[in-house]
Amino acid sequence: MSTSLTFTSLTSDINGRAGSRMGSNIPSLLDMDDFEYCFIDPLEKDYKCPVCCSVLKNPVQFESCGHRCCANCLPELLKSSAKCPIDGTPIDRDRQVIVDKEYQKEIEALRVNCSFMDKGCTWSGLLKDVQMHVIDCKYATLKCPKGCGMKLEKVVLKLHLTEDCVKREIRCEFCNLRMRFEEELKHLGLCGKFVLSCPNNCKEGKEILRENLADHLADHCSRQKIKCPFWNGGCQYMCKRKHMDKHIKDDPIVHLGMACDTVILHRKELEIHAKALEQQLSQISILERKVDSLEKLYGCQLVWKIENWSDKIHEAKLGRKATLFSPPFLTSRHGYKMAMSLCPYGDGKARGKFLSMFICICKGDYDPLLLWPFCHKVTFTVIDQCQDPEARRNISYTIQPNTIKDNKPFLGKPIGERNASFGAQKFVELNVLGTYDYLRDDQLFIKCEVDSEEMMLL
């Protein structure tokens, strides 16, 4: 029975037949370039494809004339002439084409010998089974799996892979490095563990590792030509190492004079270097003072001076102005833009008991270049205004931002003018502010430091 399909549905059916016996299940290692079917009886003309002239594979029948071709040959035929190659009948793309499954079964039932019968294989059977046999046939020609390009019978493949393949893996007998056989010669020309003999044929250097040869020639080889130890002093003599002692002993006074001249020269050079070092130390000292000045000027990102504290806390009690905002500041020259906010009489549950301190990230000019979310430690400090810096009892509170997804409104790149604030609702108790010198002349100083140790610098 035949199946009738349009060209479009035929293409899908052909693709779905990729697992059929004819044309699949052949490992990529098999050499199919010269593969031919060896039919026991002469192949009838009707079983040959008029396009590829080989036995029909997955035959399709033209409804208009009844002739057939391989399913894989059909697209090319329609693309080139769109005519039957036997009688020239036009093949209309829109007309039906038959996938002839019954004819396929006839072809698969033809009897064949093994394609490698000329090499000694005696197998014979049905056409549908030949390629399955070829996979196991010991006379089949395989491509080397290592990619060396050789084609061999299966029976000799194992020997080839272990003994002959230029791409087989080996180890250097000197350094144990793994490599391909074809790379061995080049490696041996560079291998540090390769054993060489001294190029000067000295007694000490009959077997030297390549990696030790340079040291041997520089320090030990008795036949290596070397410069006189007083070369820099003016003696331009060269000879083999074993003769150098005699050369020095022959002219001790001359060499002693050269040594004295060299010492005097080195002393002058040392004096020059000492003066240069003294100048450099002086410059370093100047730079250290400049850095110290810069640290004092820009040691923290903001010191917020809040004046008329008593008025501000009174207004906060009455609810007129519960929150104060600092001027915005940058964490560095091209850093994050931030601002502090303070509730003099406390915020939420801390109201009336604690001073509440917060900070927020503002929309800045350099936000596209910075890393998000913000993850740097922030430290708030109420500064004790005691006149003796050693006696000050500053109060500090450090926040380490938690960059989880839920904190994106606080730590993410600002979409509006500023993000939501985060900080310490219970920063410092209000009654503590009245002790020591936290408040002096009715003003309060609060310092903000943003840790910049791991901050990206532009």
Protein backbone atom coordinates (compact mmCIF):
# COMPACT_ATOMS: atom_id res chain seq x y z
CA MET A 1 0.00 0.00 0.00
CA SER A 2 1.28 3.49 -0.87
CA THR A 3 0.89 6.74 1.05
CA SER A 4 -0.10 9.90 -0.84
CA LEU A 5 1.34 13.22 0.42
CA THR A 6 1.81 16.79 -0.77
CA PHE A 7 5.42 18.05 -1.17
CA THR A 8 5.31 19.98 2.15
CA SER A 9 4.09 17.04 4.21
CA LEU A 10 6.51 14.78 2.29
CA THR A 11 9.48 16.82 3.58
CA SER A 12 8.35 16.28 7.16
CA ASP A 13 7.86 12.57 6.52
CA ILE A 14 11.36 12.24 5.03
CA ASN A 15 12.87 13.98 8.05
CA GLY A 16 10.94 11.62 10.30
CA ARG A 17 12.44 8.63 8.51
CA ALA A 18 16.04 9.57 9.46
CA GLY A 19 16.17 6.46 11.64
CA SER A 20 15.33 3.98 8.84
CA ARG A 21 17.65 1.07 8.13
CA MET A 22 18.97 2.56 4.90
CA GLY A 23 21.15 5.56 5.69
CA SER A 24 21.41 5.59 9.52
CA ASN A 25 22.96 3.78 12.48
CA ILE A 26 26.36 3.92 10.77
CA PRO A 27 29.00 5.22 13.15
CA SER A 28 30.88 8.27 11.95
CA LEU A 29 34.10 6.28 12.06
CA LEU A 30 33.06 4.01 9.16
CA ASP A 31 34.60 5.04 5.86
CA MET A 32 31.55 5.26 3.54
CA ASP A 33 33.36 6.99 0.65
CA ASP A 34 33.77 3.73 -1.31
CA PHE A 35 30.79 1.89 0.20
CA GLU A 36 28.78 -0.06 -2.40
CA TYR A 37 25.98 -2.60 -2.19
CA CYS A 38 27.01 -5.99 -3.64
CA PHE A 39 23.77 -7.53 -4.95
CA ILE A 40 23.78 -11.29 -5.48
CA ASP A 41 21.49 -10.93 -8.51
CA PRO A 42 21.87 -8.06 -11.01
CA LEU A 43 19.94 -4.99 -9.81
CA GLU A 44 16.82 -4.38 -11.92
CA LYS A 45 16.56 -0.99 -13.59
CA ASP A 46 13.32 -0.17 -11.74
CA TYR A 47 15.17 -0.40 -8.43
CA LYS A 48 17.72 2.28 -9.44
CA CYS A 49 17.24 6.00 -8.77
CA PRO A 50 17.40 7.93 -12.08
CA VAL A 51 18.96 10.90 -10.24
CA CYS A 52 21.83 9.37 -8.22
CA CYS A 53 21.97 6.08 -10.25
CA SER A 54 22.20 4.08 -6.99
CA VAL A 55 19.68 1.75 -5.39
CA LEU A 56 16.53 3.62 -4.35
CA LYS A 57 16.49 4.77 -0.75
CA ASN A 58 13.12 5.72 0.75
CA PRO A 59 11.56 5.82 -2.76
CA VAL A 60 8.94 8.41 -3.68
CA GLN A 61 6.70 8.04 -6.75
CA PHE A 62 5.61 10.83 -9.10
CA GLU A 63 1.82 10.60 -9.38
CA SER A 64 1.84 12.00 -12.91
CA CYS A 65 4.08 9.37 -14.56
CA GLY A 66 4.60 6.60 -12.01
CA HIS A 67 8.41 6.78 -11.94
CA ARG A 68 10.39 6.95 -8.70
CA CYS A 69 13.48 8.57 -7.15
CA CYS A 70 15.16 8.66 -3.74
CA ALA A 71 13.48 10.85 -1.15
CA ASN A 72 16.79 12.66 -0.61
CA CYS A 73 17.17 13.34 -4.35
CA LEU A 74 13.69 14.89 -4.72
CA PRO A 75 14.45 18.42 -3.38
CA GLU A 76 17.42 18.85 -5.72
CA LEU A 77 15.39 17.53 -8.67
CA LEU A 78 12.57 20.01 -8.00
CA LYS A 79 15.09 22.80 -7.62
CA SER A 80 16.94 22.09 -10.90
CA SER A 81 14.39 21.01 -13.56
CA ALA A 82 11.16 19.92 -11.83
CA LYS A 83 10.83 17.20 -14.50
CA CYS A 84 10.91 13.42 -14.36
CA PRO A 85 14.48 12.43 -15.34
CA ILE A 86 13.16 9.38 -17.26
CA ASP A 87 10.40 10.76 -19.50
CA GLY A 88 10.53 14.52 -18.85
CA THR A 89 7.03 14.72 -17.38
CA PRO A 90 6.72 17.98 -15.40
CA ILE A 91 6.57 17.56 -11.62
CA ASP A 92 4.16 20.05 -10.10
CA ARG A 93 5.04 21.14 -6.57
CA ASP A 94 1.37 21.47 -5.74
CA ARG A 95 0.46 17.98 -6.98
CA GLN A 96 0.75 14.94 -4.76
CA VAL A 97 3.87 12.81 -4.47
CA ILE A 98 3.69 9.26 -3.16
CA VAL A 99 5.96 7.86 -0.43
CA ASP A 100 6.09 4.26 -1.61
CA LYS A 101 6.63 2.22 1.56
CA GLU A 102 5.67 -1.08 -0.09
CA TYR A 103 8.30 -0.57 -2.81
CA GLN A 104 10.82 0.21 -0.06
CA LYS A 105 10.07 -3.17 1.50
CA GLU A 106 10.67 -4.88 -1.86
CA ILE A 107 14.08 -3.24 -2.16
CA GLU A 108 15.03 -4.08 1.42
CA ALA A 109 14.25 -7.75 0.69
CA LEU A 110 16.87 -7.95 -2.08
CA ARG A 111 19.79 -10.27 -1.25
CA VAL A 112 23.31 -8.87 -0.99
CA ASN A 113 26.81 -9.91 -0.03
CA CYS A 114 28.94 -7.94 2.46
CA SER A 115 30.40 -4.84 0.89
CA PHE A 116 33.82 -6.07 2.04
CA MET A 117 33.60 -9.54 0.50
CA ASP A 118 36.72 -8.78 -1.56
CA LYS A 119 38.66 -8.55 1.71
CA GLY A 120 37.47 -11.96 2.88
CA CYS A 121 34.05 -11.47 4.51
CA THR A 122 31.62 -14.33 3.66
CA TRP A 123 28.43 -12.79 5.04
CA SER A 124 25.32 -12.57 2.84
CA GLY A 125 21.76 -11.53 3.69
CA LEU A 126 18.99 -9.03 3.02
CA LEU A 127 19.70 -5.46 1.95
CA LYS A 128 17.94 -4.12 5.06
CA ASP A 129 20.49 -5.92 7.26
CA VAL A 130 23.74 -5.11 5.43
CA GLN A 131 24.54 -1.86 7.19
CA MET A 132 23.92 -3.39 10.61
CA HIS A 133 26.37 -6.14 9.60
CA VAL A 134 28.94 -3.61 8.38
CA ILE A 135 29.02 -2.02 11.83
CA ASP A 136 30.27 -5.33 13.27
CA CYS A 137 32.23 -6.56 10.24
CA LYS A 138 35.89 -7.03 11.11
CA TYR A 139 36.84 -6.24 7.50
CA ALA A 140 35.08 -2.85 7.51
CA THR A 141 37.26 0.17 6.78
CA LEU A 142 37.25 2.70 9.63
CA LYS A 143 38.56 6.23 9.94
CA CYS A 144 41.04 6.72 12.78
CA PRO A 145 39.08 8.14 15.76
CA LYS A 146 42.09 10.27 16.70
CA GLY A 147 41.73 12.23 13.45
CA CYS A 148 45.10 11.37 11.88
CA GLY A 149 43.42 10.75 8.51
CA MET A 150 44.29 7.05 8.19
CA LYS A 151 41.68 4.52 7.01
CA LEU A 152 42.12 1.02 8.38
CA GLU A 153 40.38 -2.31 8.74
CA LYS A 154 38.78 -2.86 12.13
CA VAL A 155 41.10 -5.77 12.90
CA VAL A 156 44.19 -3.51 12.84
CA LEU A 157 42.62 -0.39 14.39
CA LYS A 158 43.64 -1.22 17.96
CA LEU A 159 47.27 -1.77 16.96
CA HIS A 160 47.23 1.49 14.99
CA LEU A 161 45.90 3.46 17.97
CA THR A 162 48.56 2.11 20.33
CA GLU A 163 51.59 1.87 18.01
CA ASP A 164 51.30 3.89 14.78
CA CYS A 165 48.85 6.81 15.07
CA VAL A 166 50.70 10.13 15.05
CA LYS A 167 47.94 11.62 17.20
CA ARG A 168 48.07 8.92 19.89
CA GLU A 169 48.74 10.17 23.41
CA ILE A 170 52.15 9.49 24.94
CA ARG A 171 54.19 10.67 27.92
CA CYS A 172 57.62 12.22 27.77
CA GLU A 173 60.09 9.67 29.19
CA PHE A 174 62.04 12.51 30.80
CA CYS A 175 59.43 14.87 32.35
CA ASN A 176 56.30 12.65 32.16
CA LEU A 177 54.32 15.36 30.34
CA ARG A 178 51.32 14.10 28.31
CA MET A 179 51.32 14.98 24.59
CA ARG A 180 50.55 13.67 21.11
CA PHE A 181 53.17 11.54 19.38
CA GLU A 182 53.48 14.11 16.57
CA GLU A 183 54.47 16.75 19.17
CA GLU A 184 57.22 14.64 20.77
CA LEU A 185 60.11 15.81 18.58
CA LYS A 186 59.34 19.49 19.14
CA HIS A 187 58.92 18.89 22.89
CA LEU A 188 62.23 17.06 23.20
CA GLY A 189 63.92 20.13 21.75
CA LEU A 190 62.61 22.16 24.69
CA CYS A 191 62.16 19.64 27.55
CA GLY A 192 64.00 20.83 30.65
CA LYS A 193 64.49 17.25 31.92
CA PHE A 194 66.09 16.06 28.66
CA VAL A 195 69.62 14.83 29.30
CA LEU A 196 72.39 16.57 27.36
CA SER A 197 76.17 16.54 27.43
CA CYS A 198 78.22 19.69 27.96
CA PRO A 199 78.93 21.37 24.59
CA ASN A 200 82.52 21.90 25.79
CA ASN A 201 82.97 18.15 26.44
CA CYS A 202 84.15 18.72 30.00
CA LYS A 203 84.49 15.79 32.41
CA GLU A 204 81.87 17.17 34.77
CA GLY A 205 79.18 17.57 32.11
CA LYS A 206 78.61 14.19 30.53
CA GLU A 207 74.95 14.01 31.64
CA ILE A 208 73.27 17.33 32.44
CA LEU A 209 69.58 18.21 32.44
CA ARG A 210 68.79 20.90 29.85
CA GLU A 211 67.35 23.13 32.62
CA ASN A 212 70.71 22.96 34.48
CA LEU A 213 72.96 23.49 31.45
CA ALA A 214 73.05 27.31 31.67
CA ASP A 215 74.12 27.19 35.34
CA HIS A 216 76.76 24.57 34.54
CA LEU A 217 78.31 26.74 31.82
CA ALA A 218 78.12 29.91 33.91
CA ASP A 219 79.58 28.53 37.15
CA HIS A 220 81.10 25.06 36.83
CA CYS A 221 82.34 24.04 33.38
CA SER A 222 86.16 23.92 33.45
CA ARG A 223 86.36 24.38 29.67
CA GLN A 224 83.96 27.31 29.39
CA LYS A 225 85.60 30.54 28.25
CA ILE A 226 85.11 33.25 30.90
CA LYS A 227 86.11 36.86 31.49
CA CYS A 228 88.80 37.85 33.97
CA PRO A 229 87.23 38.74 37.38
CA PHE A 230 88.86 42.18 36.95
CA TRP A 231 87.17 42.77 33.58
CA ASN A 232 85.34 45.88 34.87
CA GLY A 233 88.62 47.12 36.30
CA GLY A 234 90.26 47.11 32.87
CA CYS A 235 91.59 43.57 32.30
CA GLN A 236 90.10 42.39 29.00
CA TYR A 237 91.56 38.87 29.20
CA MET A 238 89.44 35.76 28.50
CA CYS A 239 90.36 32.09 28.86
CA LYS A 240 88.99 28.73 29.94
CA ARG A 241 87.87 28.58 33.56
CA LYS A 242 90.55 26.04 34.51
CA HIS A 243 93.30 28.48 33.36
CA MET A 244 91.95 31.61 35.07
CA ASP A 245 93.74 31.04 38.42
CA LYS A 246 97.12 30.92 36.62
CA HIS A 247 96.31 34.17 34.79
CA ILE A 248 95.58 36.01 38.05
CA LYS A 249 98.68 34.61 39.78
CA ASP A 250 100.91 35.65 36.89
CA ASP A 251 100.05 39.38 37.29
CA PRO A 252 99.01 39.89 40.96
CA ILE A 253 100.22 43.50 41.22
CA VAL A 254 98.40 44.61 38.05
CA HIS A 255 95.17 42.98 39.23
CA LEU A 256 95.56 44.45 42.74
CA GLY A 257 95.87 47.93 41.20
CA MET A 258 92.73 47.34 39.18
CA ALA A 259 90.92 46.23 42.34
CA CYS A 260 91.92 49.44 44.14
CA ASP A 261 90.77 51.58 41.23
CA THR A 262 87.44 49.73 41.21
CA VAL A 263 86.95 50.27 44.97
CA ILE A 264 87.64 54.01 44.60
CA LEU A 265 85.19 54.23 41.68
CA HIS A 266 82.49 52.37 43.63
CA ARG A 267 83.00 54.66 46.63
CA LYS A 268 82.36 57.71 44.45
CA GLU A 269 79.27 56.07 42.98
CA LEU A 270 78.00 55.27 46.49
CA GLU A 271 78.44 58.91 47.52
CA ILE A 272 76.41 60.02 44.48
CA HIS A 273 73.69 57.45 45.28
CA ALA A 274 73.64 58.52 48.94
CA LYS A 275 72.97 62.14 47.95
CA ALA A 276 70.24 61.06 45.53
CA LEU A 277 68.68 58.89 48.25
CA GLU A 278 68.71 61.79 50.69
CA GLN A 279 66.89 63.98 48.16
CA GLN A 280 64.30 61.25 47.53
CA LEU A 281 63.71 60.81 51.27
CA SER A 282 63.16 64.55 51.55
CA GLN A 283 60.60 64.41 48.71
CA ILE A 284 58.86 61.44 50.36
CA SER A 285 58.60 63.41 53.59
CA ILE A 286 57.00 66.34 51.73
CA LEU A 287 54.51 63.98 50.03
CA GLU A 288 53.63 62.35 53.36
CA ARG A 289 52.80 65.77 54.81
CA LYS A 290 50.61 66.53 51.77
CA VAL A 291 48.81 63.20 52.09
CA ASP A 292 48.29 63.81 55.79
CA SER A 293 46.76 67.20 54.98
CA LEU A 294 44.47 65.66 52.39
CA GLU A 295 43.37 62.95 54.82
CA LYS A 296 42.51 65.61 57.40
CA LEU A 297 40.58 67.56 54.77
CA TYR A 298 38.82 64.62 53.14
CA GLY A 299 39.09 61.94 55.84
CA CYS A 300 35.36 61.32 55.91
CA GLN A 301 32.66 62.12 53.40
CA LEU A 302 30.56 64.48 55.57
CA VAL A 303 30.61 66.21 58.96
CA TRP A 304 27.12 67.63 59.50
CA LYS A 305 26.91 70.67 61.76
CA ILE A 306 23.43 71.11 63.26
CA GLU A 307 22.91 74.53 64.91
CA ASN A 308 20.12 75.72 67.28
CA TRP A 309 19.59 72.18 68.54
CA SER A 310 17.19 73.15 71.30
CA ASP A 311 14.85 74.82 68.77
CA LYS A 312 14.99 71.86 66.43
CA ILE A 313 14.19 69.28 69.09
CA HIS A 314 11.32 71.51 70.33
CA GLU A 315 9.81 71.66 66.81
CA ALA A 316 10.23 67.89 66.49
CA LYS A 317 8.31 67.34 69.76
CA LEU A 318 5.42 69.43 68.43
CA GLY A 319 5.52 67.48 65.12
CA ARG A 320 6.19 70.60 63.06
CA LYS A 321 9.52 69.39 61.67
CA ALA A 322 10.11 65.79 62.70
CA THR A 323 12.98 65.18 60.23
CA LEU A 324 16.09 67.16 59.28
CA PHE A 325 18.04 66.58 56.06
CA SER A 326 21.76 67.09 55.49
CA PRO A 327 23.22 68.55 52.30
CA PRO A 328 23.87 65.81 49.72
CA PHE A 329 27.46 64.58 49.43
CA LEU A 330 29.58 62.26 47.27
CA THR A 331 31.40 59.22 48.65
CA SER A 332 34.32 60.16 46.38
CA ARG A 333 35.00 62.56 43.54
CA HIS A 334 32.92 60.46 41.13
CA GLY A 335 31.15 58.25 43.68
CA TYR A 336 27.69 57.61 45.05
CA LYS A 337 25.54 60.64 45.88
CA MET A 338 24.03 60.33 49.38
CA ALA A 339 22.23 62.35 52.03
CA MET A 340 21.66 61.92 55.78
CA SER A 341 18.42 62.48 57.62
CA LEU A 342 17.88 62.83 61.36
CA CYS A 343 14.83 62.70 63.63
CA PRO A 344 15.78 64.85 66.68
CA TYR A 345 12.95 63.44 68.82
CA GLY A 346 13.09 59.90 67.41
CA ASP A 347 11.14 58.01 64.79
CA GLY A 348 8.32 55.49 65.29
CA LYS A 349 8.73 53.38 68.44
CA ALA A 350 11.90 55.29 69.30
CA ARG A 351 10.05 58.63 69.52
CA GLY A 352 10.80 60.50 72.73
CA LYS A 353 13.58 58.08 73.71
CA PHE A 354 16.20 57.96 70.96
CA LEU A 355 17.80 60.11 68.31
CA SER A 356 17.08 58.35 64.97
CA MET A 357 19.68 58.52 62.17
CA PHE A 358 19.20 57.49 58.54
CA ILE A 359 20.91 57.75 55.15
CA CYS A 360 19.61 57.45 51.61
CA ILE A 361 21.14 57.09 48.13
CA CYS A 362 20.29 59.98 45.80
CA LYS A 363 20.22 60.03 42.03
CA GLY A 364 23.75 61.02 40.92
CA ASP A 365 25.56 61.98 37.74
CA TYR A 366 27.85 58.94 37.85
CA ASP A 367 25.27 56.22 38.68
CA PRO A 368 25.59 54.46 35.27
CA LEU A 369 29.29 53.85 35.96
CA LEU A 370 28.95 52.57 39.54
CA LEU A 371 28.31 49.07 40.87
CA TRP A 372 24.83 48.19 42.15
CA PRO A 373 23.40 47.34 44.61
CA PHE A 374 25.23 49.59 47.07
CA CYS A 375 27.13 47.31 49.49
CA HIS A 376 29.59 49.47 51.46
CA LYS A 377 29.64 49.92 55.24
CA VAL A 378 28.29 53.22 56.56
CA THR A 379 29.28 54.58 59.98
CA PHE A 380 27.42 57.37 61.85
CA THR A 381 29.34 59.13 64.64
CA VAL A 382 28.15 61.72 67.18
CA ILE A 383 31.33 63.70 67.89
CA ASP A 384 32.23 64.63 71.46
CA GLN A 385 33.30 68.30 71.34
CA CYS A 386 35.64 67.99 74.32
CA GLN A 387 38.66 70.29 73.88
CA ASP A 388 41.01 67.42 74.66
CA PRO A 389 40.88 65.06 71.62
CA GLU A 390 42.27 62.21 73.72
CA ALA A 391 39.38 62.44 76.18
CA ARG A 392 36.57 62.41 73.59
CA ARG A 393 33.93 59.71 73.87
CA ASN A 394 32.45 59.60 70.36
CA ILE A 395 29.38 57.42 69.78
CA SER A 396 29.42 55.39 66.56
CA TYR A 397 26.98 53.07 64.81
CA THR A 398 27.95 51.00 61.76
CA ILE A 399 25.59 49.58 59.14
CA GLN A 400 26.57 46.76 56.77
CA PRO A 401 24.02 46.79 53.91
CA ASN A 402 22.42 43.43 53.13
CA THR A 403 22.16 43.22 49.33
CA ILE A 404 19.19 40.86 49.18
CA LYS A 405 16.46 41.38 46.60
CA ASP A 406 14.00 42.79 49.18
CA ASN A 407 16.40 45.67 49.90
CA LYS A 408 16.52 46.90 46.29
CA PRO A 409 14.33 49.98 47.12
CA PHE A 410 17.05 51.03 49.59
CA LEU A 411 20.28 49.88 47.87
CA GLY A 412 19.48 49.71 44.15
CA LYS A 413 20.25 52.27 41.48
CA PRO A 414 17.88 55.23 42.15
CA ILE A 415 14.94 55.55 39.78
CA GLY A 416 13.51 58.70 41.33
CA GLU A 417 15.35 61.56 43.01
CA ARG A 418 16.28 59.40 46.00
CA ASN A 419 15.84 55.89 47.41
CA ALA A 420 14.11 54.98 50.65
CA SER A 421 16.23 55.72 53.73
CA PHE A 422 17.90 53.08 55.90
CA GLY A 423 19.79 53.43 59.15
CA ALA A 424 19.45 53.31 62.96
CA GLN A 425 16.05 54.07 64.51
CA LYS A 426 17.65 53.80 67.97
CA PHE A 427 20.95 55.56 67.25
CA VAL A 428 21.62 57.19 70.64
CA GLU A 429 19.44 57.83 73.70
CA LEU A 430 18.27 61.45 73.99
CA ASN A 431 19.34 61.74 77.63
CA VAL A 432 22.89 60.68 76.66
CA LEU A 433 23.20 63.72 74.37
CA GLY A 434 23.06 65.96 77.39
CA THR A 435 26.16 64.35 78.91
CA TYR A 436 29.82 65.12 78.19
CA ASP A 437 30.25 67.61 75.34
CA TYR A 438 28.08 66.13 72.60
CA LEU A 439 26.11 69.41 72.66
CA ARG A 440 28.16 72.57 72.94
CA ASP A 441 26.97 76.11 72.19
CA ASP A 442 23.60 74.54 71.23
CA GLN A 443 25.09 72.71 68.23
CA LEU A 444 25.65 69.05 67.38
CA PHE A 445 28.20 67.49 65.01
CA ILE A 446 27.47 64.16 63.26
CA LYS A 447 30.03 62.50 61.02
CA CYS A 448 29.26 60.05 58.21
CA GLU A 449 31.92 57.71 56.85
CA VAL A 450 31.36 55.37 53.89
CA ASP A 451 33.93 52.55 53.65
CA SER A 452 35.76 52.94 50.35
CA GLU A 453 38.28 50.10 50.71
CA GLU A 454 36.52 47.90 48.13
CA MET A 455 34.81 50.74 46.27
CA MET A 456 35.42 50.96 42.52
CA LEU A 457 37.39 54.06 41.54
CA LEU A 458 36.70 55.70 38.18
